[in-house]
Amino acid sequence: MAHLIDTMAYTGQTPWHGLGNLLPPQQSLDTWLQAAGMDWTIEQSEVMFNVVSDAPHLRPFAGSKVLYRSDTLDPLSVVSQRYNVVQPHEVLHFYQDLVDAGGFELETAGSLKGGRKLWALAKTGQDMRLKGGDVVKSYLLLATSCDGTLCTTAQFTSLRVVCNNTLQMALRGSTGAIKVPHSTQFDAAAVKASLGVGLSHWDEFKTQTQALAARPVAPEEALRFFSDLLAQPRDEDNIILTRPVQRLNELYQGAGMGSELASARHTAWGLVNAVSEYVDHHRRARSQDYRLDSAWFGQGAHLKAQALNQALTLLQ
């Protein structure tokens, strides 16, 4: 089966999806561009169509353009003339000042779907340790697309070290993300200013996580949480144990990585991590790269965000 990930680079431990080229720490952005397969540009051309008549000829399709790769000349998408692209090198150079002066460190970068989606992920240098030695680290993800499926998005995300589960931060009812539609120009400095790259976001997420780890959850309440999350039908007041609900409950009750730690055992934080592990490692997917796409940008990311927001309501 063909992979969605064309090439990808990483430093440190092998990512949970097991894909990519290993780089030593503290490499230049040019090295990252080459290793991640992002050393090409997005070019554009007119969209033409063939008119079949007595004298066949090509005519332009006004209002649209085709985007293609400079290295392979492979087409990427057909978009409107107003579509503003973000080049692969712009994704990595977004982190230049953050790495040079802000203590950030690039950890992964690459492309999906033949170059239609591009991303880079960097550690912010912030982390927390919950009860039982449960370590969670902070990251900043920048991703974009050239086929209209994703706004250029910068978002804070977290990674739970014991299981490599990823979770987007929910901050004060927001998504903790800045999204720039392709109808406007991408301004890296403005995005970083809007994000407020610093301690405030992480401190808020840290407070939420500590509260979730201190909130006890009874077995029946856990089953109801998973059933409500997946919008499963109920037989009057009885919970119907569908296979997904059963699997989530198994991960929560001890089968999940790190589920035995004091921070997660029979707590609301454990509920969230059962869902994130299910999405990142167990939910049915065509391949590991399809799983990555879903976990970061698709239905998997949405389900994890729902789980976190639903768990936060248990604190009220």
C-alpha atoms as a PDB file:
ATOM      1  CA  MET A   1       0.000   0.000   0.000  1.00  0.00           C
ATOM      2  CA  ALA A   2       1.356   3.445  -0.933  1.00  0.00           C
ATOM      3  CA  HIS A   3       2.197   5.725   1.948  1.00  0.00           C
ATOM      4  CA  LEU A   4       0.591   9.115   2.455  1.00  0.00           C
ATOM      5  CA  ILE A   5       3.893  10.351   3.914  1.00  0.00           C
ATOM      6  CA  ASP A   6       6.364  11.053   1.107  1.00  0.00           C
ATOM      7  CA  THR A   7       9.328  11.807   3.325  1.00  0.00           C
ATOM      8  CA  MET A   8       9.693  12.918   6.908  1.00  0.00           C
ATOM      9  CA  ALA A   9      12.561  13.800   9.232  1.00  0.00           C
ATOM     10  CA  TYR A  10      12.743  13.536  12.993  1.00  0.00           C
ATOM     11  CA  THR A  11      15.232  13.878  15.823  1.00  0.00           C
ATOM     12  CA  GLY A  12      15.271  11.976  19.100  1.00  0.00           C
ATOM     13  CA  GLN A  13      13.096   8.916  19.607  1.00  0.00           C
ATOM     14  CA  THR A  14      11.373   7.229  16.691  1.00  0.00           C
ATOM     15  CA  PRO A  15       7.841   8.694  16.347  1.00  0.00           C
ATOM     16  CA  TRP A  16       4.932   6.452  17.339  1.00  0.00           C
ATOM     17  CA  HIS A  17       3.992   5.932  13.686  1.00  0.00           C
ATOM     18  CA  GLY A  18       7.500   4.567  12.991  1.00  0.00           C
ATOM     19  CA  LEU A  19       8.111   6.641   9.857  1.00  0.00           C
ATOM     20  CA  GLY A  20      10.844   9.083   8.854  1.00  0.00           C
ATOM     21  CA  ASN A  21      14.576   9.820   8.531  1.00  0.00           C
ATOM     22  CA  LEU A  22      16.571  10.243  11.750  1.00  0.00           C
ATOM     23  CA  LEU A  23      18.568  13.474  12.159  1.00  0.00           C
ATOM     24  CA  PRO A  24      21.117  14.374  14.873  1.00  0.00           C
ATOM     25  CA  PRO A  25      20.011  17.228  17.176  1.00  0.00           C
ATOM     26  CA  GLN A  26      20.461  20.918  16.304  1.00  0.00           C
ATOM     27  CA  GLN A  27      20.648  20.665  12.522  1.00  0.00           C
ATOM     28  CA  SER A  28      20.301  23.665  10.195  1.00  0.00           C
ATOM     29  CA  LEU A  29      16.965  24.388   8.537  1.00  0.00           C
ATOM     30  CA  ASP A  30      18.531  23.575   5.150  1.00  0.00           C
ATOM     31  CA  THR A  31      19.394  20.113   6.462  1.00  0.00           C
ATOM     32  CA  TRP A  32      15.854  19.711   7.757  1.00  0.00           C
ATOM     33  CA  LEU A  33      14.417  20.754   4.384  1.00  0.00           C
ATOM     34  CA  GLN A  34      16.386  18.067   2.563  1.00  0.00           C
ATOM     35  CA  ALA A  35      15.880  15.271   5.108  1.00  0.00           C
ATOM     36  CA  ALA A  36      12.149  16.011   5.377  1.00  0.00           C
ATOM     37  CA  GLY A  37      11.728  16.052   1.586  1.00  0.00           C
ATOM     38  CA  MET A  38      10.600  19.678   1.660  1.00  0.00           C
ATOM     39  CA  ASP A  39      13.343  21.192  -0.537  1.00  0.00           C
ATOM     40  CA  TRP A  40      10.995  22.029  -3.404  1.00  0.00           C
ATOM     41  CA  THR A  41       8.533  24.828  -4.173  1.00  0.00           C
ATOM     42  CA  ILE A  42       4.866  25.023  -5.101  1.00  0.00           C
ATOM     43  CA  GLU A  43       4.534  26.439  -8.619  1.00  0.00           C
ATOM     44  CA  GLN A  44       1.397  27.491 -10.466  1.00  0.00           C
ATOM     45  CA  SER A  45       0.123  27.559 -14.014  1.00  0.00           C
ATOM     46  CA  GLU A  46      -3.020  28.235 -16.003  1.00  0.00           C
ATOM     47  CA  VAL A  47      -5.717  25.588 -16.187  1.00  0.00           C
ATOM     48  CA  MET A  48      -6.264  24.687 -19.849  1.00  0.00           C
ATOM     49  CA  PHE A  49      -8.934  22.571 -21.504  1.00  0.00           C
ATOM     50  CA  ASN A  50      -9.091  21.038 -24.940  1.00  0.00           C
ATOM     51  CA  VAL A  51     -11.899  22.210 -27.200  1.00  0.00           C
ATOM     52  CA  VAL A  52     -12.831  19.476 -29.655  1.00  0.00           C
ATOM     53  CA  SER A  53     -14.001  20.985 -32.939  1.00  0.00           C
ATOM     54  CA  ASP A  54     -12.928  21.176 -36.551  1.00  0.00           C
ATOM     55  CA  ALA A  55      -9.720  22.777 -35.298  1.00  0.00           C
ATOM     56  CA  PRO A  56      -9.001  21.429 -31.778  1.00  0.00           C
ATOM     57  CA  HIS A  57      -7.226  23.879 -29.538  1.00  0.00           C
ATOM     58  CA  LEU A  58      -6.519  24.618 -25.861  1.00  0.00           C
ATOM     59  CA  ARG A  59      -8.338  27.368 -24.024  1.00  0.00           C
ATOM     60  CA  PRO A  60      -7.672  28.766 -20.511  1.00  0.00           C
ATOM     61  CA  PHE A  61     -10.160  28.251 -17.690  1.00  0.00           C
ATOM     62  CA  ALA A  62     -10.347  31.725 -16.177  1.00  0.00           C
ATOM     63  CA  GLY A  63     -10.455  32.076 -12.395  1.00  0.00           C
ATOM     64  CA  SER A  64      -8.541  28.889 -11.624  1.00  0.00           C
ATOM     65  CA  LYS A  65      -4.928  27.745 -11.531  1.00  0.00           C
ATOM     66  CA  VAL A  66      -3.156  24.433 -11.111  1.00  0.00           C
ATOM     67  CA  LEU A  67      -0.521  24.026  -8.387  1.00  0.00           C
ATOM     68  CA  TYR A  68       2.355  21.615  -8.991  1.00  0.00           C
ATOM     69  CA  ARG A  69       5.676  20.541  -7.487  1.00  0.00           C
ATOM     70  CA  SER A  70       8.849  22.121  -8.830  1.00  0.00           C
ATOM     71  CA  ASP A  71      10.889  18.922  -8.419  1.00  0.00           C
ATOM     72  CA  THR A  72       8.652  16.252  -9.941  1.00  0.00           C
ATOM     73  CA  LEU A  73       6.167  18.490 -11.827  1.00  0.00           C
ATOM     74  CA  ASP A  74       3.408  16.391 -10.269  1.00  0.00           C
ATOM     75  CA  PRO A  75       0.081  18.254 -10.002  1.00  0.00           C
ATOM     76  CA  LEU A  76      -1.102  19.024  -6.475  1.00  0.00           C
ATOM     77  CA  SER A  77      -4.509  20.664  -6.907  1.00  0.00           C
ATOM     78  CA  VAL A  78      -6.675  23.047  -8.886  1.00  0.00           C
ATOM     79  CA  VAL A  79      -7.580  26.149  -6.873  1.00  0.00           C
ATOM     80  CA  SER A  80      -8.945  29.631  -7.445  1.00  0.00           C
ATOM     81  CA  GLN A  81      -6.703  32.479  -8.543  1.00  0.00           C
ATOM     82  CA  ARG A  82      -7.178  33.989  -5.058  1.00  0.00           C
ATOM     83  CA  TYR A  83      -5.574  30.979  -3.342  1.00  0.00           C
ATOM     84  CA  ASN A  84      -2.385  31.937  -1.480  1.00  0.00           C
ATOM     85  CA  VAL A  85       0.126  29.131  -1.078  1.00  0.00           C
ATOM     86  CA  VAL A  86       2.535  28.656   1.822  1.00  0.00           C
ATOM     87  CA  GLN A  87       5.814  27.217   0.577  1.00  0.00           C
ATOM     88  CA  PRO A  88       7.493  24.212   2.262  1.00  0.00           C
ATOM     89  CA  HIS A  89      10.460  26.336   3.347  1.00  0.00           C
ATOM     90  CA  GLU A  90       8.076  28.836   4.969  1.00  0.00           C
ATOM     91  CA  VAL A  91       6.712  26.087   7.223  1.00  0.00           C
ATOM     92  CA  LEU A  92      10.189  25.328   8.598  1.00  0.00           C
ATOM     93  CA  HIS A  93      11.421  28.932   8.691  1.00  0.00           C
ATOM     94  CA  PHE A  94       8.406  29.789  10.860  1.00  0.00           C
ATOM     95  CA  TYR A  95      10.475  28.318  13.703  1.00  0.00           C
ATOM     96  CA  GLN A  96      13.754  30.100  12.921  1.00  0.00           C
ATOM     97  CA  ASP A  97      13.648  32.777  15.648  1.00  0.00           C
ATOM     98  CA  LEU A  98      11.905  30.394  18.072  1.00  0.00           C
ATOM     99  CA  VAL A  99      14.778  27.916  17.722  1.00  0.00           C
ATOM    100  CA  ASP A 100      17.529  30.548  17.717  1.00  0.00           C
ATOM    101  CA  ALA A 101      16.348  32.564  20.704  1.00  0.00           C
ATOM    102  CA  GLY A 102      13.219  30.977  22.148  1.00  0.00           C
ATOM    103  CA  GLY A 103      14.483  27.605  23.303  1.00  0.00           C
ATOM    104  CA  PHE A 104      12.380  25.647  20.809  1.00  0.00           C
ATOM    105  CA  GLU A 105      13.720  22.513  19.102  1.00  0.00           C
ATOM    106  CA  LEU A 106      12.399  21.000  15.878  1.00  0.00           C
ATOM    107  CA  GLU A 107      11.378  17.374  16.341  1.00  0.00           C
ATOM    108  CA  THR A 108       9.528  16.301  13.177  1.00  0.00           C
ATOM    109  CA  ALA A 109       8.753  17.759   9.753  1.00  0.00           C
ATOM    110  CA  GLY A 110       7.423  16.331   6.524  1.00  0.00           C
ATOM    111  CA  SER A 111       4.642  16.131   3.949  1.00  0.00           C
ATOM    112  CA  LEU A 112       1.508  14.079   3.416  1.00  0.00           C
ATOM    113  CA  LYS A 113      -0.439  13.087   0.316  1.00  0.00           C
ATOM    114  CA  GLY A 114       2.243  13.818  -2.260  1.00  0.00           C
ATOM    115  CA  GLY A 115       2.996  17.249  -0.774  1.00  0.00           C
ATOM    116  CA  ARG A 116      -0.595  18.416  -0.446  1.00  0.00           C
ATOM    117  CA  LYS A 117      -0.135  18.777   3.321  1.00  0.00           C
ATOM    118  CA  LEU A 118       3.027  20.042   5.019  1.00  0.00           C
ATOM    119  CA  TRP A 119       3.915  20.283   8.688  1.00  0.00           C
ATOM    120  CA  ALA A 120       6.647  20.855  11.263  1.00  0.00           C
ATOM    121  CA  LEU A 121       6.507  20.149  15.004  1.00  0.00           C
ATOM    122  CA  ALA A 122       8.803  21.689  17.633  1.00  0.00           C
ATOM    123  CA  LYS A 123       9.254  21.181  21.356  1.00  0.00           C
ATOM    124  CA  THR A 124       8.722  24.403  23.298  1.00  0.00           C
ATOM    125  CA  GLY A 125      10.960  23.344  26.200  1.00  0.00           C
ATOM    126  CA  GLN A 126       8.054  23.300  28.658  1.00  0.00           C
ATOM    127  CA  ASP A 127       6.847  20.172  30.440  1.00  0.00           C
ATOM    128  CA  MET A 128       5.061  18.991  33.566  1.00  0.00           C
ATOM    129  CA  ARG A 129       5.214  15.947  35.834  1.00  0.00           C
ATOM    130  CA  LEU A 130       1.966  14.606  37.263  1.00  0.00           C
ATOM    131  CA  LYS A 131       1.436  12.080  40.042  1.00  0.00           C
ATOM    132  CA  GLY A 132       3.272   8.809  39.509  1.00  0.00           C
ATOM    133  CA  GLY A 133       5.905  10.328  37.227  1.00  0.00           C
ATOM    134  CA  ASP A 134       3.506  11.028  34.343  1.00  0.00           C
ATOM    135  CA  VAL A 135       5.467  13.475  32.124  1.00  0.00           C
ATOM    136  CA  VAL A 136       3.698  15.644  29.536  1.00  0.00           C
ATOM    137  CA  LYS A 137       5.615  17.908  27.105  1.00  0.00           C
ATOM    138  CA  SER A 138       4.512  20.977  25.183  1.00  0.00           C
ATOM    139  CA  TYR A 139       4.822  21.348  21.388  1.00  0.00           C
ATOM    140  CA  LEU A 140       3.961  23.855  18.682  1.00  0.00           C
ATOM    141  CA  LEU A 141       2.634  22.453  15.395  1.00  0.00           C
ATOM    142  CA  LEU A 142       2.466  24.399  12.124  1.00  0.00           C
ATOM    143  CA  ALA A 143       0.637  22.752   9.231  1.00  0.00           C
ATOM    144  CA  THR A 144      -0.704  23.875   5.872  1.00  0.00           C
ATOM    145  CA  SER A 145      -2.175  22.465   2.675  1.00  0.00           C
ATOM    146  CA  CYS A 146      -2.231  23.378  -0.980  1.00  0.00           C
ATOM    147  CA  ASP A 147      -5.470  21.584  -1.861  1.00  0.00           C
ATOM    148  CA  GLY A 148      -7.954  23.509   0.277  1.00  0.00           C
ATOM    149  CA  THR A 149      -8.341  20.783   2.922  1.00  0.00           C
ATOM    150  CA  LEU A 150      -6.568  22.673   5.711  1.00  0.00           C
ATOM    151  CA  CYS A 151      -6.054  26.318   6.601  1.00  0.00           C
ATOM    152  CA  THR A 152      -2.521  27.221   7.569  1.00  0.00           C
ATOM    153  CA  THR A 153      -2.797  26.290  11.240  1.00  0.00           C
ATOM    154  CA  ALA A 154      -0.497  26.945  14.181  1.00  0.00           C
ATOM    155  CA  GLN A 155      -1.539  25.178  17.369  1.00  0.00           C
ATOM    156  CA  PHE A 156      -0.186  24.144  20.726  1.00  0.00           C
ATOM    157  CA  THR A 157      -0.283  20.423  21.351  1.00  0.00           C
ATOM    158  CA  SER A 158       0.971  18.141  24.095  1.00  0.00           C
ATOM    159  CA  LEU A 159       2.642  14.748  24.113  1.00  0.00           C
ATOM    160  CA  ARG A 160       2.366  12.271  26.992  1.00  0.00           C
ATOM    161  CA  VAL A 161       5.791  10.650  27.140  1.00  0.00           C
ATOM    162  CA  VAL A 162       4.781   7.259  28.566  1.00  0.00           C
ATOM    163  CA  CYS A 163       2.630   6.465  25.537  1.00  0.00           C
ATOM    164  CA  ASN A 164       3.463   9.157  22.926  1.00  0.00           C
ATOM    165  CA  ASN A 165      -0.200  10.167  22.826  1.00  0.00           C
ATOM    166  CA  THR A 166      -0.807  13.605  21.328  1.00  0.00           C
ATOM    167  CA  LEU A 167      -3.492  16.032  22.478  1.00  0.00           C
ATOM    168  CA  GLN A 168      -4.331  19.518  21.273  1.00  0.00           C
ATOM    169  CA  MET A 169      -4.657  22.019  24.110  1.00  0.00           C
ATOM    170  CA  ALA A 170      -8.072  23.514  24.829  1.00  0.00           C
ATOM    171  CA  LEU A 171      -7.684  26.982  26.297  1.00  0.00           C
ATOM    172  CA  ARG A 172     -10.512  29.026  27.809  1.00  0.00           C
ATOM    173  CA  GLY A 173     -13.072  27.447  25.549  1.00  0.00           C
ATOM    174  CA  SER A 174     -10.953  27.975  22.414  1.00  0.00           C
ATOM    175  CA  THR A 175      -9.006  25.465  20.342  1.00  0.00           C
ATOM    176  CA  GLY A 176      -5.628  26.976  21.191  1.00  0.00           C
ATOM    177  CA  ALA A 177      -5.017  27.353  17.445  1.00  0.00           C
ATOM    178  CA  ILE A 178      -4.583  30.186  14.953  1.00  0.00           C
ATOM    179  CA  LYS A 179      -5.988  29.436  11.489  1.00  0.00           C
ATOM    180  CA  VAL A 180      -5.118  31.503   8.425  1.00  0.00           C
ATOM    181  CA  PRO A 181      -7.343  30.839   5.396  1.00  0.00           C
ATOM    182  CA  HIS A 182      -5.638  30.622   2.017  1.00  0.00           C
ATOM    183  CA  SER A 183      -7.692  33.589   0.823  1.00  0.00           C
ATOM    184  CA  THR A 184      -5.264  35.789   2.825  1.00  0.00           C
ATOM    185  CA  GLN A 185      -1.491  36.046   2.986  1.00  0.00           C
ATOM    186  CA  PHE A 186       0.270  34.061   5.691  1.00  0.00           C
ATOM    187  CA  ASP A 187       2.128  36.394   8.087  1.00  0.00           C
ATOM    188  CA  ALA A 188       4.362  34.326  10.375  1.00  0.00           C
ATOM    189  CA  ALA A 189       5.102  37.200  12.756  1.00  0.00           C
ATOM    190  CA  ALA A 190       1.410  38.020  13.175  1.00  0.00           C
ATOM    191  CA  VAL A 191       0.554  34.370  13.833  1.00  0.00           C
ATOM    192  CA  LYS A 192       3.215  34.076  16.529  1.00  0.00           C
ATOM    193  CA  ALA A 193       2.008  37.311  18.109  1.00  0.00           C
ATOM    194  CA  SER A 194      -1.593  36.031  18.131  1.00  0.00           C
ATOM    195  CA  LEU A 195      -0.535  32.718  19.640  1.00  0.00           C
ATOM    196  CA  GLY A 196       1.260  34.518  22.441  1.00  0.00           C
ATOM    197  CA  VAL A 197       4.142  32.054  22.337  1.00  0.00           C
ATOM    198  CA  GLY A 198       5.153  31.867  25.961  1.00  0.00           C
ATOM    199  CA  LEU A 199       4.187  30.451  29.320  1.00  0.00           C
ATOM    200  CA  SER A 200       0.557  31.530  29.636  1.00  0.00           C
ATOM    201  CA  HIS A 201      -0.979  28.862  27.371  1.00  0.00           C
ATOM    202  CA  TRP A 202       1.034  26.071  28.912  1.00  0.00           C
ATOM    203  CA  ASP A 203       0.278  27.236  32.449  1.00  0.00           C
ATOM    204  CA  GLU A 204      -3.446  27.146  31.739  1.00  0.00           C
ATOM    205  CA  PHE A 205      -3.271  23.681  30.193  1.00  0.00           C
ATOM    206  CA  LYS A 206      -1.120  22.508  33.103  1.00  0.00           C
ATOM    207  CA  THR A 207      -3.741  23.688  35.595  1.00  0.00           C
ATOM    208  CA  GLN A 208      -6.490  21.893  33.663  1.00  0.00           C
ATOM    209  CA  THR A 209      -4.495  18.664  33.464  1.00  0.00           C
ATOM    210  CA  GLN A 210      -3.660  18.653  37.163  1.00  0.00           C
ATOM    211  CA  ALA A 211      -7.343  19.146  37.966  1.00  0.00           C
ATOM    212  CA  LEU A 212      -8.326  16.258  35.668  1.00  0.00           C
ATOM    213  CA  ALA A 213      -5.729  14.018  37.342  1.00  0.00           C
ATOM    214  CA  ALA A 214      -7.267  14.846  40.737  1.00  0.00           C
ATOM    215  CA  ARG A 215     -10.879  14.190  39.669  1.00  0.00           C
ATOM    216  CA  PRO A 216     -11.911  10.599  40.626  1.00  0.00           C
ATOM    217  CA  VAL A 217     -14.166   8.684  38.240  1.00  0.00           C
ATOM    218  CA  ALA A 218     -16.351   5.709  39.147  1.00  0.00           C
ATOM    219  CA  PRO A 219     -16.544   2.699  36.760  1.00  0.00           C
ATOM    220  CA  GLU A 220     -20.141   3.417  35.735  1.00  0.00           C
ATOM    221  CA  GLU A 221     -19.275   7.071  35.136  1.00  0.00           C
ATOM    222  CA  ALA A 222     -16.391   6.029  32.850  1.00  0.00           C
ATOM    223  CA  LEU A 223     -18.663   3.848  30.723  1.00  0.00           C
ATOM    224  CA  ARG A 224     -21.187   6.670  30.465  1.00  0.00           C
ATOM    225  CA  PHE A 225     -18.388   9.075  29.447  1.00  0.00           C
ATOM    226  CA  PHE A 226     -17.261   6.864  26.556  1.00  0.00           C
ATOM    227  CA  SER A 227     -20.819   6.095  25.480  1.00  0.00           C
ATOM    228  CA  ASP A 228     -21.734   9.796  25.403  1.00  0.00           C
ATOM    229  CA  LEU A 229     -18.518  10.676  23.583  1.00  0.00           C
ATOM    230  CA  LEU A 230     -19.264   8.216  20.778  1.00  0.00           C
ATOM    231  CA  ALA A 231     -22.996   9.080  20.823  1.00  0.00           C
ATOM    232  CA  GLN A 232     -23.897   5.419  21.364  1.00  0.00           C
ATOM    233  CA  PRO A 233     -27.571   4.426  21.703  1.00  0.00           C
ATOM    234  CA  ARG A 234     -28.921   3.490  25.122  1.00  0.00           C
ATOM    235  CA  ASP A 235     -31.534   0.997  26.214  1.00  0.00           C
ATOM    236  CA  GLU A 236     -33.463   3.304  28.568  1.00  0.00           C
ATOM    237  CA  ASP A 237     -30.883   3.939  31.307  1.00  0.00           C
ATOM    238  CA  ASN A 238     -28.648   0.996  30.388  1.00  0.00           C
ATOM    239  CA  ILE A 239     -25.395   1.535  28.505  1.00  0.00           C
ATOM    240  CA  ILE A 240     -25.031  -0.643  25.425  1.00  0.00           C
ATOM    241  CA  LEU A 241     -21.447  -1.932  25.342  1.00  0.00           C
ATOM    242  CA  THR A 242     -20.551  -1.534  21.681  1.00  0.00           C
ATOM    243  CA  ARG A 243     -17.095  -2.659  20.603  1.00  0.00           C
ATOM    244  CA  PRO A 244     -15.577   0.896  20.559  1.00  0.00           C
ATOM    245  CA  VAL A 245     -16.956   1.630  24.057  1.00  0.00           C
ATOM    246  CA  GLN A 246     -15.611  -1.687  25.331  1.00  0.00           C
ATOM    247  CA  ARG A 247     -12.178  -0.987  23.834  1.00  0.00           C
ATOM    248  CA  LEU A 248     -12.002   2.492  25.337  1.00  0.00           C
ATOM    249  CA  ASN A 249     -13.036   1.134  28.719  1.00  0.00           C
ATOM    250  CA  GLU A 250     -10.376  -1.610  28.520  1.00  0.00           C
ATOM    251  CA  LEU A 251      -7.680   0.977  27.799  1.00  0.00           C
ATOM    252  CA  TYR A 252      -8.939   3.081  30.698  1.00  0.00           C
ATOM    253  CA  GLN A 253      -9.164   0.180  33.156  1.00  0.00           C
ATOM    254  CA  GLY A 254      -5.576  -0.986  32.716  1.00  0.00           C
ATOM    255  CA  ALA A 255      -4.809  -2.067  29.151  1.00  0.00           C
ATOM    256  CA  GLY A 256      -3.652   1.388  28.078  1.00  0.00           C
ATOM    257  CA  MET A 257      -0.060   2.579  28.293  1.00  0.00           C
ATOM    258  CA  GLY A 258       0.359   4.577  31.500  1.00  0.00           C
ATOM    259  CA  SER A 259      -3.171   3.727  32.685  1.00  0.00           C
ATOM    260  CA  GLU A 260      -1.728   2.336  35.924  1.00  0.00           C
ATOM    261  CA  LEU A 261      -0.058   5.639  36.875  1.00  0.00           C
ATOM    262  CA  ALA A 262      -1.605   7.518  39.796  1.00  0.00           C
ATOM    263  CA  SER A 263      -2.464  10.461  37.540  1.00  0.00           C
ATOM    264  CA  ALA A 264      -4.604   8.308  35.236  1.00  0.00           C
ATOM    265  CA  ARG A 265      -5.901   5.406  37.326  1.00  0.00           C
ATOM    266  CA  HIS A 266      -9.658   5.953  37.843  1.00  0.00           C
ATOM    267  CA  THR A 267      -9.383   9.701  37.026  1.00  0.00           C
ATOM    268  CA  ALA A 268     -10.702  12.095  34.390  1.00  0.00           C
ATOM    269  CA  TRP A 269      -7.157  12.419  33.009  1.00  0.00           C
ATOM    270  CA  GLY A 270      -7.263   8.658  32.458  1.00  0.00           C
ATOM    271  CA  LEU A 271     -10.463   9.049  30.435  1.00  0.00           C
ATOM    272  CA  VAL A 272      -8.794  11.562  28.123  1.00  0.00           C
ATOM    273  CA  ASN A 273      -5.742   9.377  27.650  1.00  0.00           C
ATOM    274  CA  ALA A 274      -7.800   6.285  26.880  1.00  0.00           C
ATOM    275  CA  VAL A 275      -9.338   8.225  23.989  1.00  0.00           C
ATOM    276  CA  SER A 276      -6.027   9.672  22.763  1.00  0.00           C
ATOM    277  CA  GLU A 277      -4.397   6.219  22.826  1.00  0.00           C
ATOM    278  CA  TYR A 278      -7.375   4.719  21.000  1.00  0.00           C
ATOM    279  CA  VAL A 279      -7.079   7.342  18.241  1.00  0.00           C
ATOM    280  CA  ASP A 280      -3.278   7.373  17.992  1.00  0.00           C
ATOM    281  CA  HIS A 281      -2.652   3.628  18.258  1.00  0.00           C
ATOM    282  CA  HIS A 282      -5.735   1.394  18.043  1.00  0.00           C
ATOM    283  CA  ARG A 283      -8.489   2.920  15.935  1.00  0.00           C
ATOM    284  CA  ARG A 284      -8.848   1.209  12.569  1.00  0.00           C
ATOM    285  CA  ALA A 285      -6.808   2.951   9.858  1.00  0.00           C
ATOM    286  CA  ARG A 286      -5.626   2.020   6.372  1.00  0.00           C
ATOM    287  CA  SER A 287      -1.995   2.523   7.450  1.00  0.00           C
ATOM    288  CA  GLN A 288       0.119   4.356  10.017  1.00  0.00           C
ATOM    289  CA  ASP A 289       0.367   7.439   7.821  1.00  0.00           C
ATOM    290  CA  TYR A 290      -3.421   7.608   7.427  1.00  0.00           C
ATOM    291  CA  ARG A 291      -3.571   7.307  11.214  1.00  0.00           C
ATOM    292  CA  LEU A 292      -1.191  10.273  11.592  1.00  0.00           C
ATOM    293  CA  ASP A 293      -3.263  12.401   9.231  1.00  0.00           C
ATOM    294  CA  SER A 294      -6.430  11.637  11.195  1.00  0.00           C
ATOM    295  CA  ALA A 295      -4.824  12.047  14.624  1.00  0.00           C
ATOM    296  CA  TRP A 296      -3.460  15.502  13.820  1.00  0.00           C
ATOM    297  CA  PHE A 297      -5.858  16.975  11.289  1.00  0.00           C
ATOM    298  CA  GLY A 298      -8.932  14.811  10.810  1.00  0.00           C
ATOM    299  CA  GLN A 299     -11.635  12.895  12.650  1.00  0.00           C
ATOM    300  CA  GLY A 300      -9.170  11.555  15.211  1.00  0.00           C
ATOM    301  CA  ALA A 301      -8.077  15.047  16.215  1.00  0.00           C
ATOM    302  CA  HIS A 302     -11.725  16.085  16.524  1.00  0.00           C
ATOM    303  CA  LEU A 303     -12.552  13.095  18.734  1.00  0.00           C
ATOM    304  CA  LYS A 304      -9.610  13.805  21.061  1.00  0.00           C
ATOM    305  CA  ALA A 305     -10.642  17.466  21.352  1.00  0.00           C
ATOM    306  CA  GLN A 306     -14.203  16.373  22.170  1.00  0.00           C
ATOM    307  CA  ALA A 307     -12.897  14.035  24.872  1.00  0.00           C
ATOM    308  CA  LEU A 308     -10.850  16.766  26.520  1.00  0.00           C
ATOM    309  CA  ASN A 309     -13.702  19.270  26.489  1.00  0.00           C
ATOM    310  CA  GLN A 310     -16.149  16.646  27.808  1.00  0.00           C
ATOM    311  CA  ALA A 311     -13.708  15.715  30.590  1.00  0.00           C
ATOM    312  CA  LEU A 312     -13.363  19.372  31.560  1.00  0.00           C
ATOM    313  CA  THR A 313     -17.121  19.528  32.177  1.00  0.00           C
ATOM    314  CA  LEU A 314     -16.600  16.918  34.938  1.00  0.00           C
ATOM    315  CA  LEU A 315     -14.695  19.590  36.873  1.00  0.00           C
ATOM    316  CA  GLN A 316     -17.712  21.878  37.078  1.00  0.00           C
END
